Amino acid sequence: MSPGADWVQILPSGSSRLDVRCTIETDDDALIYLHYNGIFSASEDAFERMLSGEVLTSKDLYCISTPTLRTSAEKYAWLNHVQCVGKVVEVKDGEGGFIKYDIFVVR
C-alpha cells in the first residue's frame, strides 16, 4: 500500500544504512505506519548474486533493523508501546523481489 519509500546511504566501508517508511494495511483494514533504520552489509559476491535475482538468506548477508510502529487502530494499539528489532531472513532483488524479516519485540 502506498505511500512508502526507502533510502539507502552507502558508506565508504561498503555497508549501507537504511531508512524505510511505509504504511501497512492489515487483513482487517487497520492502517499501521512502519519506520525503521538499519544496516545492510554483504560481500561483493553476495551483492552481485542478489542483483542477478538470486534469493539470499541471512547466511549471505547482514541486515538488522529497528522498526517502530504507530497506529490509531485500537486492536493494534499495543504496537505504539514497543520497540522491535528485525533481521532479514530472505531477500530477492528485481522482478518479483521481496524482503522477509523476523521481527522481535524487545522487552
PDB file of N, CA and C in Angstrom:
ATOM      1  N   MET A   1       0.845  -1.177   0.000  1.00  0.00           N
ATOM      2  CA  MET A   1       0.000   0.000   0.000  1.00  0.00           C
ATOM      3  C   MET A   1       0.892   1.242   0.000  1.00  0.00           C
ATOM      4  N   SER A   2       0.551   2.209  -0.797  1.00  0.00           N
ATOM      5  CA  SER A   2       1.271   3.471  -0.827  1.00  0.00           C
ATOM      6  C   SER A   2       0.743   4.348   0.288  1.00  0.00           C
ATOM      7  N   PRO A   3       1.421   5.315   0.784  1.00  0.00           N
ATOM      8  CA  PRO A   3       2.765   5.670   0.373  1.00  0.00           C
ATOM      9  C   PRO A   3       3.822   4.861   1.116  1.00  0.00           C
ATOM     10  N   GLY A   4       4.958   4.784   0.510  1.00  0.00           N
ATOM     11  CA  GLY A   4       6.101   4.131   1.120  1.00  0.00           C
ATOM     12  C   GLY A   4       7.356   4.582   0.394  1.00  0.00           C
ATOM     13  N   ALA A   5       8.461   4.555   1.099  1.00  0.00           N
ATOM     14  CA  ALA A   5       9.721   4.965   0.488  1.00  0.00           C
ATOM     15  C   ALA A   5      10.874   4.387   1.290  1.00  0.00           C
ATOM     16  N   ASP A   6      11.986   4.212   0.614  1.00  0.00           N
ATOM     17  CA  ASP A   6      13.195   3.810   1.325  1.00  0.00           C
ATOM     18  C   ASP A   6      14.393   4.526   0.738  1.00  0.00           C
ATOM     19  N   TRP A   7      15.326   4.810   1.615  1.00  0.00           N
ATOM     20  CA  TRP A   7      16.562   5.478   1.239  1.00  0.00           C
ATOM     21  C   TRP A   7      17.716   4.611   1.717  1.00  0.00           C
ATOM     22  N   VAL A   8      18.752   4.564   0.912  1.00  0.00           N
ATOM     23  CA  VAL A   8      19.944   3.799   1.267  1.00  0.00           C
ATOM     24  C   VAL A   8      21.141   4.733   1.167  1.00  0.00           C
ATOM     25  N   GLN A   9      21.915   4.804   2.242  1.00  0.00           N
ATOM     26  CA  GLN A   9      23.145   5.594   2.257  1.00  0.00           C
ATOM     27  C   GLN A   9      24.302   4.612   2.268  1.00  0.00           C
ATOM     28  N   ILE A  10      25.079   4.580   1.185  1.00  0.00           N
ATOM     29  CA  ILE A  10      26.217   3.677   1.086  1.00  0.00           C
ATOM     30  C   ILE A  10      27.421   4.337   1.743  1.00  0.00           C
ATOM     31  N   LEU A  11      27.985   3.655   2.723  1.00  0.00           N
ATOM     32  CA  LEU A  11      29.118   4.169   3.480  1.00  0.00           C
ATOM     33  C   LEU A  11      30.432   3.800   2.806  1.00  0.00           C
ATOM     34  N   PRO A  12      31.513   4.531   3.084  1.00  0.00           N
ATOM     35  CA  PRO A  12      32.814   4.210   2.484  1.00  0.00           C
ATOM     36  C   PRO A  12      33.260   2.768   2.769  1.00  0.00           C
ATOM     37  N   SER A  13      32.793   2.184   3.862  1.00  0.00           N
ATOM     38  CA  SER A  13      33.167   0.808   4.213  1.00  0.00           C
ATOM     39  C   SER A  13      32.486  -0.227   3.332  1.00  0.00           C
ATOM     40  N   GLY A  14      31.461   0.196   2.559  1.00  0.00           N
ATOM     41  CA  GLY A  14      30.698  -0.735   1.741  1.00  0.00           C
ATOM     42  C   GLY A  14      29.386  -1.144   2.387  1.00  0.00           C
ATOM     43  N   SER A  15      29.227  -0.915   3.685  1.00  0.00           N
ATOM     44  CA  SER A  15      27.949  -1.166   4.346  1.00  0.00           C
ATOM     45  C   SER A  15      26.964  -0.074   3.942  1.00  0.00           C
ATOM     46  N   SER A  16      25.690  -0.350   4.114  1.00  0.00           N
ATOM     47  CA  SER A  16      24.656   0.623   3.781  1.00  0.00           C
ATOM     48  C   SER A  16      23.758   0.865   4.978  1.00  0.00           C
ATOM     49  N   ARG A  17      23.381   2.113   5.184  1.00  0.00           N
ATOM     50  CA  ARG A  17      22.422   2.490   6.217  1.00  0.00           C
ATOM     51  C   ARG A  17      21.054   2.638   5.556  1.00  0.00           C
ATOM     52  N   LEU A  18      20.036   2.061   6.185  1.00  0.00           N
ATOM     53  CA  LEU A  18      18.688   2.046   5.642  1.00  0.00           C
ATOM     54  C   LEU A  18      17.788   3.025   6.383  1.00  0.00           C
ATOM     55  N   ASP A  19      16.870   3.631   5.670  1.00  0.00           N
ATOM     56  CA  ASP A  19      15.824   4.476   6.238  1.00  0.00           C
ATOM     57  C   ASP A  19      14.557   4.143   5.454  1.00  0.00           C
ATOM     58  N   VAL A  20      13.640   3.402   6.066  1.00  0.00           N
ATOM     59  CA  VAL A  20      12.458   2.894   5.381  1.00  0.00           C
ATOM     60  C   VAL A  20      11.205   3.377   6.104  1.00  0.00           C
ATOM     61  N   ARG A  21      10.209   3.808   5.318  1.00  0.00           N
ATOM     62  CA  ARG A  21       8.951   4.294   5.868  1.00  0.00           C
ATOM     63  C   ARG A  21       7.818   3.821   4.968  1.00  0.00           C
ATOM     64  N   CYS A  22       6.784   3.248   5.576  1.00  0.00           N
ATOM     65  CA  CYS A  22       5.648   2.793   4.776  1.00  0.00           C
ATOM     66  C   CYS A  22       4.407   2.658   5.643  1.00  0.00           C
ATOM     67  N   THR A  23       3.284   2.479   4.991  1.00  0.00           N
ATOM     68  CA  THR A  23       2.021   2.222   5.659  1.00  0.00           C
ATOM     69  C   THR A  23       1.592   0.807   5.303  1.00  0.00           C
ATOM     70  N   ILE A  24       1.230   0.053   6.328  1.00  0.00           N
ATOM     71  CA  ILE A  24       0.773  -1.324   6.156  1.00  0.00           C
ATOM     72  C   ILE A  24      -0.729  -1.342   6.380  1.00  0.00           C
ATOM     73  N   GLU A  25      -1.457  -2.049   5.512  1.00  0.00           N
ATOM     74  CA  GLU A  25      -2.881  -2.276   5.737  1.00  0.00           C
ATOM     75  C   GLU A  25      -3.064  -3.727   6.126  1.00  0.00           C
ATOM     76  N   THR A  26      -3.658  -3.973   7.289  1.00  0.00           N
ATOM     77  CA  THR A  26      -3.852  -5.335   7.785  1.00  0.00           C
ATOM     78  C   THR A  26      -5.042  -5.988   7.078  1.00  0.00           C
ATOM     79  N   ASP A  27      -5.193  -7.294   7.285  1.00  0.00           N
ATOM     80  CA  ASP A  27      -6.313  -8.032   6.700  1.00  0.00           C
ATOM     81  C   ASP A  27      -7.665  -7.505   7.164  1.00  0.00           C
ATOM     82  N   ASP A  28      -7.693  -6.874   8.339  1.00  0.00           N
ATOM     83  CA  ASP A  28      -8.943  -6.324   8.856  1.00  0.00           C
ATOM     84  C   ASP A  28      -9.010  -4.804   8.677  1.00  0.00           C
ATOM     85  N   ASP A  29      -8.281  -4.304   7.682  1.00  0.00           N
ATOM     86  CA  ASP A  29      -8.343  -2.910   7.215  1.00  0.00           C
ATOM     87  C   ASP A  29      -7.776  -1.862   8.175  1.00  0.00           C
ATOM     88  N   ALA A  30      -6.995  -2.262   9.157  1.00  0.00           N
ATOM     89  CA  ALA A  30      -6.320  -1.291  10.027  1.00  0.00           C
ATOM     90  C   ALA A  30      -5.076  -0.777   9.306  1.00  0.00           C
ATOM     91  N   LEU A  31      -4.726   0.472   9.559  1.00  0.00           N
ATOM     92  CA  LEU A  31      -3.519   1.062   8.985  1.00  0.00           C
ATOM     93  C   LEU A  31      -2.459   1.182  10.068  1.00  0.00           C
ATOM     94  N   ILE A  32      -1.239   0.780   9.722  1.00  0.00           N
ATOM     95  CA  ILE A  32      -0.104   0.845  10.637  1.00  0.00           C
ATOM     96  C   ILE A  32       1.051   1.506   9.909  1.00  0.00           C
ATOM     97  N   TYR A  33       1.576   2.566  10.506  1.00  0.00           N
ATOM     98  CA  TYR A  33       2.749   3.247   9.954  1.00  0.00           C
ATOM     99  C   TYR A  33       3.991   2.530  10.479  1.00  0.00           C
ATOM    100  N   LEU A  34       4.898   2.200   9.596  1.00  0.00           N
ATOM    101  CA  LEU A  34       6.136   1.494   9.943  1.00  0.00           C
ATOM    102  C   LEU A  34       7.322   2.343   9.521  1.00  0.00           C
ATOM    103  N   HIS A  35       8.263   2.503  10.431  1.00  0.00           N
ATOM    104  CA  HIS A  35       9.509   3.208  10.130  1.00  0.00           C
ATOM    105  C   HIS A  35      10.651   2.410  10.724  1.00  0.00           C
ATOM    106  N   TYR A  36      11.696   2.191   9.930  1.00  0.00           N
ATOM    107  CA  TYR A  36      12.871   1.554  10.518  1.00  0.00           C
ATOM    108  C   TYR A  36      14.150   2.063   9.894  1.00  0.00           C
ATOM    109  N   ASN A  37      15.162   2.087  10.746  1.00  0.00           N
ATOM    110  CA  ASN A  37      16.538   2.318  10.336  1.00  0.00           C
ATOM    111  C   ASN A  37      17.252   0.985  10.468  1.00  0.00           C
ATOM    112  N   GLY A  38      18.351   0.855   9.789  1.00  0.00           N
ATOM    113  CA  GLY A  38      19.096  -0.384   9.915  1.00  0.00           C
ATOM    114  C   GLY A  38      20.400  -0.337   9.156  1.00  0.00           C
ATOM    115  N   ILE A  39      21.058  -1.468   9.126  1.00  0.00           N
ATOM    116  CA  ILE A  39      22.319  -1.599   8.411  1.00  0.00           C
ATOM    117  C   ILE A  39      22.276  -2.855   7.549  1.00  0.00           C
ATOM    118  N   PHE A  40      22.835  -2.725   6.355  1.00  0.00           N
ATOM    119  CA  PHE A  40      22.900  -3.822   5.399  1.00  0.00           C
ATOM    120  C   PHE A  40      24.350  -3.977   4.970  1.00  0.00           C
ATOM    121  N   SER A  41      24.843  -5.201   5.014  1.00  0.00           N
ATOM    122  CA  SER A  41      26.214  -5.459   4.589  1.00  0.00           C
ATOM    123  C   SER A  41      26.276  -6.832   3.930  1.00  0.00           C
ATOM    124  N   ALA A  42      26.908  -6.883   2.771  1.00  0.00           N
ATOM    125  CA  ALA A  42      27.067  -8.140   2.046  1.00  0.00           C
ATOM    126  C   ALA A  42      28.391  -8.103   1.295  1.00  0.00           C
ATOM    127  N   SER A  43      28.973  -9.269   1.103  1.00  0.00           N
ATOM    128  CA  SER A  43      30.196  -9.341   0.309  1.00  0.00           C
ATOM    129  C   SER A  43      29.877  -8.929  -1.128  1.00  0.00           C
ATOM    130  N   GLU A  44      30.888  -8.572  -1.871  1.00  0.00           N
ATOM    131  CA  GLU A  44      30.695  -8.191  -3.265  1.00  0.00           C
ATOM    132  C   GLU A  44      30.052  -9.338  -4.050  1.00  0.00           C
ATOM    133  N   ASP A  45      30.486 -10.574  -3.783  1.00  0.00           N
ATOM    134  CA  ASP A  45      29.921 -11.747  -4.451  1.00  0.00           C
ATOM    135  C   ASP A  45      28.434 -11.897  -4.134  1.00  0.00           C
ATOM    136  N   ALA A  46      28.078 -11.792  -2.851  1.00  0.00           N
ATOM    137  CA  ALA A  46      26.677 -11.933  -2.448  1.00  0.00           C
ATOM    138  C   ALA A  46      25.831 -10.820  -3.055  1.00  0.00           C
ATOM    139  N   PHE A  47      26.341  -9.602  -3.078  1.00  0.00           N
ATOM    140  CA  PHE A  47      25.602  -8.475  -3.636  1.00  0.00           C
ATOM    141  C   PHE A  47      25.344  -8.707  -5.126  1.00  0.00           C
ATOM    142  N   GLU A  48      26.343  -9.179  -5.862  1.00  0.00           N
ATOM    143  CA  GLU A  48      26.179  -9.474  -7.294  1.00  0.00           C
ATOM    144  C   GLU A  48      25.149 -10.587  -7.507  1.00  0.00           C
ATOM    145  N   ARG A  49      25.177 -11.603  -6.661  1.00  0.00           N
ATOM    146  CA  ARG A  49      24.196 -12.692  -6.763  1.00  0.00           C
ATOM    147  C   ARG A  49      22.787 -12.161  -6.515  1.00  0.00           C
ATOM    148  N   MET A  50      22.648 -11.258  -5.549  1.00  0.00           N
ATOM    149  CA  MET A  50      21.351 -10.658  -5.275  1.00  0.00           C
ATOM    150  C   MET A  50      20.868  -9.855  -6.478  1.00  0.00           C
ATOM    151  N   LEU A  51      21.752  -9.050  -7.066  1.00  0.00           N
ATOM    152  CA  LEU A  51      21.378  -8.238  -8.226  1.00  0.00           C
ATOM    153  C   LEU A  51      20.993  -9.090  -9.426  1.00  0.00           C
ATOM    154  N   SER A  52      21.514 -10.310  -9.494  1.00  0.00           N
ATOM    155  CA  SER A  52      21.163 -11.204 -10.610  1.00  0.00           C
ATOM    156  C   SER A  52      19.851 -11.945 -10.365  1.00  0.00           C
ATOM    157  N   GLY A  53      19.203 -11.679  -9.214  1.00  0.00           N
ATOM    158  CA  GLY A  53      17.903 -12.279  -8.939  1.00  0.00           C
ATOM    159  C   GLY A  53      17.925 -13.470  -8.013  1.00  0.00           C
ATOM    160  N   GLU A  54      19.098 -13.850  -7.522  1.00  0.00           N
ATOM    161  CA  GLU A  54      19.188 -14.981  -6.595  1.00  0.00           C
ATOM    162  C   GLU A  54      18.599 -14.593  -5.238  1.00  0.00           C
ATOM    163  N   VAL A  55      17.903 -15.537  -4.616  1.00  0.00           N
ATOM    164  CA  VAL A  55      17.385 -15.323  -3.265  1.00  0.00           C
ATOM    165  C   VAL A  55      18.531 -15.517  -2.279  1.00  0.00           C
ATOM    166  N   LEU A  56      18.799 -14.491  -1.466  1.00  0.00           N
ATOM    167  CA  LEU A  56      19.833 -14.586  -0.437  1.00  0.00           C
ATOM    168  C   LEU A  56      19.177 -14.752   0.924  1.00  0.00           C
ATOM    169  N   THR A  57      19.901 -15.344   1.847  1.00  0.00           N
ATOM    170  CA  THR A  57      19.411 -15.531   3.212  1.00  0.00           C
ATOM    171  C   THR A  57      20.350 -14.830   4.181  1.00  0.00           C
ATOM    172  N   SER A  58      20.036 -14.926   5.459  1.00  0.00           N
ATOM    173  CA  SER A  58      20.878 -14.302   6.483  1.00  0.00           C
ATOM    174  C   SER A  58      22.269 -14.919   6.526  1.00  0.00           C
ATOM    175  N   LYS A  59      22.462 -16.064   5.897  1.00  0.00           N
ATOM    176  CA  LYS A  59      23.801 -16.660   5.804  1.00  0.00           C
ATOM    177  C   LYS A  59      24.666 -15.919   4.786  1.00  0.00           C
ATOM    178  N   ASP A  60      24.009 -15.195   3.855  1.00  0.00           N
ATOM    179  CA  ASP A  60      24.717 -14.497   2.781  1.00  0.00           C
ATOM    180  C   ASP A  60      24.974 -13.028   3.077  1.00  0.00           C
ATOM    181  N   LEU A  61      24.233 -12.460   4.025  1.00  0.00           N
ATOM    182  CA  LEU A  61      24.333 -11.025   4.268  1.00  0.00           C
ATOM    183  C   LEU A  61      23.987 -10.712   5.716  1.00  0.00           C
ATOM    184  N   TYR A  62      24.286  -9.493   6.106  1.00  0.00           N
ATOM    185  CA  TYR A  62      23.951  -8.997   7.440  1.00  0.00           C
ATOM    186  C   TYR A  62      22.983  -7.842   7.244  1.00  0.00           C
ATOM    187  N   CYS A  63      21.797  -7.957   7.809  1.00  0.00           N
ATOM    188  CA  CYS A  63      20.823  -6.874   7.709  1.00  0.00           C
ATOM    189  C   CYS A  63      19.972  -6.864   8.967  1.00  0.00           C
ATOM    190  N   ILE A  64      20.169  -5.848   9.790  1.00  0.00           N
ATOM    191  CA  ILE A  64      19.468  -5.687  11.061  1.00  0.00           C
ATOM    192  C   ILE A  64      18.748  -4.343  11.041  1.00  0.00           C
ATOM    193  N   SER A  65      17.522  -4.328  11.564  1.00  0.00           N
ATOM    194  CA  SER A  65      16.743  -3.094  11.583  1.00  0.00           C
ATOM    195  C   SER A  65      16.099  -2.889  12.957  1.00  0.00           C
ATOM    196  N   THR A  66      15.614  -1.664  13.166  1.00  0.00           N
ATOM    197  CA  THR A  66      14.948  -1.321  14.423  1.00  0.00           C
ATOM    198  C   THR A  66      13.588  -0.690  14.123  1.00  0.00           C
ATOM    199  N   PRO A  67      12.600  -1.520  13.798  1.00  0.00           N
ATOM    200  CA  PRO A  67      11.284  -0.992  13.448  1.00  0.00           C
ATOM    201  C   PRO A  67      10.530  -0.388  14.633  1.00  0.00           C
ATOM    202  N   THR A  68       9.837   0.714  14.348  1.00  0.00           N
ATOM    203  CA  THR A  68       8.839   1.268  15.251  1.00  0.00           C
ATOM    204  C   THR A  68       7.539   1.363  14.464  1.00  0.00           C
ATOM    205  N   LEU A  69       6.433   1.170  15.175  1.00  0.00           N
ATOM    206  CA  LEU A  69       5.129   1.164  14.527  1.00  0.00           C
ATOM    207  C   LEU A  69       4.190   2.113  15.251  1.00  0.00           C
ATOM    208  N   ARG A  70       3.270   2.704  14.476  1.00  0.00           N
ATOM    209  CA  ARG A  70       2.277   3.609  15.045  1.00  0.00           C
ATOM    210  C   ARG A  70       0.936   3.325  14.395  1.00  0.00           C
ATOM    211  N   THR A  71      -0.104   3.355  15.203  1.00  0.00           N
ATOM    212  CA  THR A  71      -1.433   3.155  14.666  1.00  0.00           C
ATOM    213  C   THR A  71      -2.479   3.781  15.574  1.00  0.00           C
ATOM    214  N   SER A  72      -3.614   4.134  14.989  1.00  0.00           N
ATOM    215  CA  SER A  72      -4.763   4.585  15.780  1.00  0.00           C
ATOM    216  C   SER A  72      -5.775   3.460  15.936  1.00  0.00           C
ATOM    217  N   ALA A  73      -5.500   2.295  15.349  1.00  0.00           N
ATOM    218  CA  ALA A  73      -6.402   1.148  15.447  1.00  0.00           C
ATOM    219  C   ALA A  73      -6.327   0.555  16.852  1.00  0.00           C
ATOM    220  N   GLU A  74      -7.447   0.533  17.541  1.00  0.00           N
ATOM    221  CA  GLU A  74      -7.477   0.064  18.932  1.00  0.00           C
ATOM    222  C   GLU A  74      -6.927  -1.359  19.065  1.00  0.00           C
ATOM    223  N   LYS A  75      -7.271  -2.229  18.136  1.00  0.00           N
ATOM    224  CA  LYS A  75      -6.830  -3.630  18.193  1.00  0.00           C
ATOM    225  C   LYS A  75      -5.311  -3.750  18.204  1.00  0.00           C
ATOM    226  N   TYR A  76      -4.622  -2.829  17.534  1.00  0.00           N
ATOM    227  CA  TYR A  76      -3.172  -2.902  17.396  1.00  0.00           C
ATOM    228  C   TYR A  76      -2.449  -1.822  18.201  1.00  0.00           C
ATOM    229  N   ALA A  77      -3.147  -1.180  19.111  1.00  0.00           N
ATOM    230  CA  ALA A  77      -2.568  -0.069  19.888  1.00  0.00           C
ATOM    231  C   ALA A  77      -1.324  -0.493  20.663  1.00  0.00           C
ATOM    232  N   TRP A  78      -1.206  -1.757  21.013  1.00  0.00           N
ATOM    233  CA  TRP A  78      -0.025  -2.241  21.744  1.00  0.00           C
ATOM    234  C   TRP A  78       1.256  -1.985  20.960  1.00  0.00           C
ATOM    235  N   LEU A  79       1.157  -1.898  19.632  1.00  0.00           N
ATOM    236  CA  LEU A  79       2.337  -1.636  18.804  1.00  0.00           C
ATOM    237  C   LEU A  79       2.938  -0.261  19.078  1.00  0.00           C
ATOM    238  N   ASN A  80       2.127   0.675  19.557  1.00  0.00           N
ATOM    239  CA  ASN A  80       2.601   2.024  19.876  1.00  0.00           C
ATOM    240  C   ASN A  80       3.521   2.044  21.089  1.00  0.00           C
ATOM    241  N   HIS A  81       3.591   0.942  21.817  1.00  0.00           N
ATOM    242  CA  HIS A  81       4.306   0.915  23.098  1.00  0.00           C
ATOM    243  C   HIS A  81       5.493  -0.033  23.108  1.00  0.00           C
ATOM    244  N   VAL A  82       5.941  -0.480  21.939  1.00  0.00           N
ATOM    245  CA  VAL A  82       7.046  -1.443  21.900  1.00  0.00           C
ATOM    246  C   VAL A  82       8.135  -0.979  20.935  1.00  0.00           C
ATOM    247  N   GLN A  83       9.332  -1.479  21.176  1.00  0.00           N
ATOM    248  CA  GLN A  83      10.449  -1.313  20.240  1.00  0.00           C
ATOM    249  C   GLN A  83      10.765  -2.691  19.686  1.00  0.00           C
ATOM    250  N   CYS A  84      10.967  -2.751  18.393  1.00  0.00           N
ATOM    251  CA  CYS A  84      11.264  -4.029  17.741  1.00  0.00           C
ATOM    252  C   CYS A  84      12.691  -4.036  17.211  1.00  0.00           C
ATOM    253  N   VAL A  85      13.173  -5.227  16.961  1.00  0.00           N
ATOM    254  CA  VAL A  85      14.431  -5.459  16.268  1.00  0.00           C
ATOM    255  C   VAL A  85      14.124  -6.482  15.186  1.00  0.00           C
ATOM    256  N   GLY A  86      14.643  -6.254  13.999  1.00  0.00           N
ATOM    257  CA  GLY A  86      14.376  -7.160  12.894  1.00  0.00           C
ATOM    258  C   GLY A  86      15.655  -7.673  12.262  1.00  0.00           C
ATOM    259  N   LYS A  87      15.558  -8.866  11.694  1.00  0.00           N
ATOM    260  CA  LYS A  87      16.682  -9.484  10.990  1.00  0.00           C
ATOM    261  C   LYS A  87      16.161 -10.042   9.677  1.00  0.00           C
ATOM    262  N   VAL A  88      16.851  -9.750   8.579  1.00  0.00           N
ATOM    263  CA  VAL A  88      16.435 -10.279   7.282  1.00  0.00           C
ATOM    264  C   VAL A  88      16.598 -11.794   7.263  1.00  0.00           C
ATOM    265  N   VAL A  89      15.572 -12.471   6.758  1.00  0.00           N
ATOM    266  CA  VAL A  89      15.588 -13.919   6.589  1.00  0.00           C
ATOM    267  C   VAL A  89      15.914 -14.255   5.136  1.00  0.00           C
ATOM    268  N   GLU A  90      15.241 -13.559   4.212  1.00  0.00           N
ATOM    269  CA  GLU A  90      15.475 -13.744   2.779  1.00  0.00           C
ATOM    270  C   GLU A  90      15.286 -12.419   2.066  1.00  0.00           C
ATOM    271  N   VAL A  91      15.995 -12.254   0.957  1.00  0.00           N
ATOM    272  CA  VAL A  91      15.833 -11.066   0.123  1.00  0.00           C
ATOM    273  C   VAL A  91      16.062 -11.460  -1.335  1.00  0.00           C
ATOM    274  N   LYS A  92      15.230 -10.873  -2.208  1.00  0.00           N
ATOM    275  CA  LYS A  92      15.368 -11.079  -3.651  1.00  0.00           C
ATOM    276  C   LYS A  92      15.191  -9.729  -4.323  1.00  0.00           C
ATOM    277  N   ASP A  93      16.072  -9.396  -5.245  1.00  0.00           N
ATOM    278  CA  ASP A  93      16.014  -8.137  -5.969  1.00  0.00           C
ATOM    279  C   ASP A  93      15.356  -8.369  -7.325  1.00  0.00           C
ATOM    280  N   GLY A  94      14.900  -7.298  -7.958  1.00  0.00           N
ATOM    281  CA  GLY A  94      14.377  -7.377  -9.317  1.00  0.00           C
ATOM    282  C   GLY A  94      12.931  -7.831  -9.382  1.00  0.00           C
ATOM    283  N   GLU A  95      12.563  -8.371 -10.548  1.00  0.00           N
ATOM    284  CA  GLU A  95      11.199  -8.844 -10.799  1.00  0.00           C
ATOM    285  C   GLU A  95      10.765  -9.832  -9.716  1.00  0.00           C
ATOM    286  N   GLY A  96       9.616  -9.560  -9.108  1.00  0.00           N
ATOM    287  CA  GLY A  96       9.135 -10.430  -8.034  1.00  0.00           C
ATOM    288  C   GLY A  96       9.938 -10.314  -6.750  1.00  0.00           C
ATOM    289  N   GLY A  97      10.689  -9.216  -6.608  1.00  0.00           N
ATOM    290  CA  GLY A  97      11.550  -9.031  -5.444  1.00  0.00           C
ATOM    291  C   GLY A  97      10.777  -8.933  -4.142  1.00  0.00           C
ATOM    292  N   PHE A  98      11.457  -9.251  -3.051  1.00  0.00           N
ATOM    293  CA  PHE A  98      10.836  -9.206  -1.734  1.00  0.00           C
ATOM    294  C   PHE A  98      11.912  -9.165  -0.669  1.00  0.00           C
ATOM    295  N   ILE A  99      11.493  -8.823   0.532  1.00  0.00           N
ATOM    296  CA  ILE A  99      12.340  -8.918   1.721  1.00  0.00           C
ATOM    297  C   ILE A  99      11.494  -9.569   2.806  1.00  0.00           C
ATOM    298  N   LYS A 100      12.009 -10.613   3.426  1.00  0.00           N
ATOM    299  CA  LYS A 100      11.331 -11.270   4.540  1.00  0.00           C
ATOM    300  C   LYS A 100      12.165 -11.045   5.794  1.00  0.00           C
ATOM    301  N   TYR A 101      11.488 -10.606   6.844  1.00  0.00           N
ATOM    302  CA  TYR A 101      12.143 -10.320   8.123  1.00  0.00           C
ATOM    303  C   TYR A 101      11.589 -11.219   9.220  1.00  0.00           C
ATOM    304  N   ASP A 102      12.397 -11.516  10.205  1.00  0.00           N
ATOM    305  CA  ASP A 102      11.932 -11.952  11.508  1.00  0.00           C
ATOM    306  C   ASP A 102      11.960 -10.686  12.356  1.00  0.00           C
ATOM    307  N   ILE A 103      10.826 -10.362  12.970  1.00  0.00           N
ATOM    308  CA  ILE A 103      10.710  -9.160  13.794  1.00  0.00           C
ATOM    309  C   ILE A 103      10.434  -9.588  15.230  1.00  0.00           C
ATOM    310  N   PHE A 104      11.168  -9.011  16.162  1.00  0.00           N
ATOM    311  CA  PHE A 104      11.044  -9.353  17.569  1.00  0.00           C
ATOM    312  C   PHE A 104      10.758  -8.103  18.388  1.00  0.00           C
ATOM    313  N   VAL A 105       9.866  -8.209  19.362  1.00  0.00           N
ATOM    314  CA  VAL A 105       9.632  -7.139  20.313  1.00  0.00           C
ATOM    315  C   VAL A 105      10.673  -7.281  21.415  1.00  0.00           C
ATOM    316  N   VAL A 106      11.358  -6.172  21.711  1.00  0.00           N
ATOM    317  CA  VAL A 106      12.372  -6.169  22.771  1.00  0.00           C
ATOM    318  C   VAL A 106      11.669  -5.832  24.090  1.00  0.00           C
ATOM    319  N   ARG A 107      11.855  -6.693  25.076  1.00  0.00           N
ATOM    320  CA  ARG A 107      11.223  -6.470  26.387  1.00  0.00           C
ATOM    321  C   ARG A 107      12.283  -6.437  27.456  1.00  0.00           C
TER     322      ARG A 107
END
